[in-house]
């Protein structure tokens, strides 16, 4: 579908985006593509508004003035996208899209003590909210009550949270303490964690880039692959790091019983995108697969703010990353995991988007669409025929 070239041959290119207008002021903070209505995208902004767009038109088909505060995150209710959740301050609000622009919050949850950075919803109706205190609150939206408080894994701001689709009681979090944690939220305990700030992982991932040497490896965003992508071969998460790197972690390897980790599964290709140790930086780390994509491969030169697996092409085949270097990059990442090709993850394209990227998502229609939220009030759509 896409031609690939060596990373060294890739220069940042300019593509003219379509502009979707609906937000009144400030930056667009988040966007999410509908999985049941092709071409429908919802966005949230610092203006406190939620906007719905049909990619066939240029203006918002619906705008809800949700709150007087900036909206930090938005997600659809699993199984019924007529309902949407939005976070503002330390609150989570829910809205029924069918009520139109006059829609008022149907539910309000106030369990977080600090500002919420991201929310996510599971197929079982649980809602997770990561906040500035480092805590994650799990809300049971069916019974409308607090289900669990996840704490003590993060010592700083918890910036991102995602459920793992194929493990319905498992959630993954990342924070500005440079830690990634995977939880059994039914028990409120961590299953494993990775400390990207540990000396072992810092020394193992330096690319020689000044930015990646001196900027902390904060975890800004996590994307989890859907179940069954690429023939069900991969169950992974991608990690957007503050030092400009992107990591892709084999979740099933990490979640497997410790005794199985010494098997040949740890073998495979060697790559410039570095397959390194996983763990918390301790001496008893097991050898597992992790793709490390950095500046040496044509990666970002500043913090990576968002990552997402593509909904177009072979679903999940591509990984999209956006950063504070005002660039968006698309990677053919699975080649780095292949033990047969012995090849590296490849940079497919690199777009100069002019402004820092806040969020992004993909939505296939008649063309392949990459939706970018940056520091402006306009949502931008890049098309690939």
Foldseek 3Di string as FASTA:
>chain_A
DFDFDFLVPFDADADDWQWADDFDWWFWFEKDDDPVDFQWMWTFFQCQKIFIDRNVDRYTPAIANADNGGWQEKDAEAPDRLKIWIFGWQKIFMWRCVVTRPIYTPDMDRPGPGGWRYWEAANQQWIWTFFFCRKIWIARVVVGGTQAIADDPDRGGWHEKYAQHVDRQKIWTFFQQQKIFIDSRNVNDTQFMARCQAPVNLVQQDDPAPLLNPWFFGFQYKEWAHACFPNRPAGWMWTFTFSQKIKIFRVVLSNDPPVPLVDCQLDAAQAPQDQAWGGHNDPPTGRHGMGIGHVVRVTDNGTWNEKYQACDDRGRQWMWIFFQVQKIWIWRQCVCVHRPPSYHIGTRHMHRRPFGWNYWYWGDDVWTWIWTTGRTSIITIGTDD
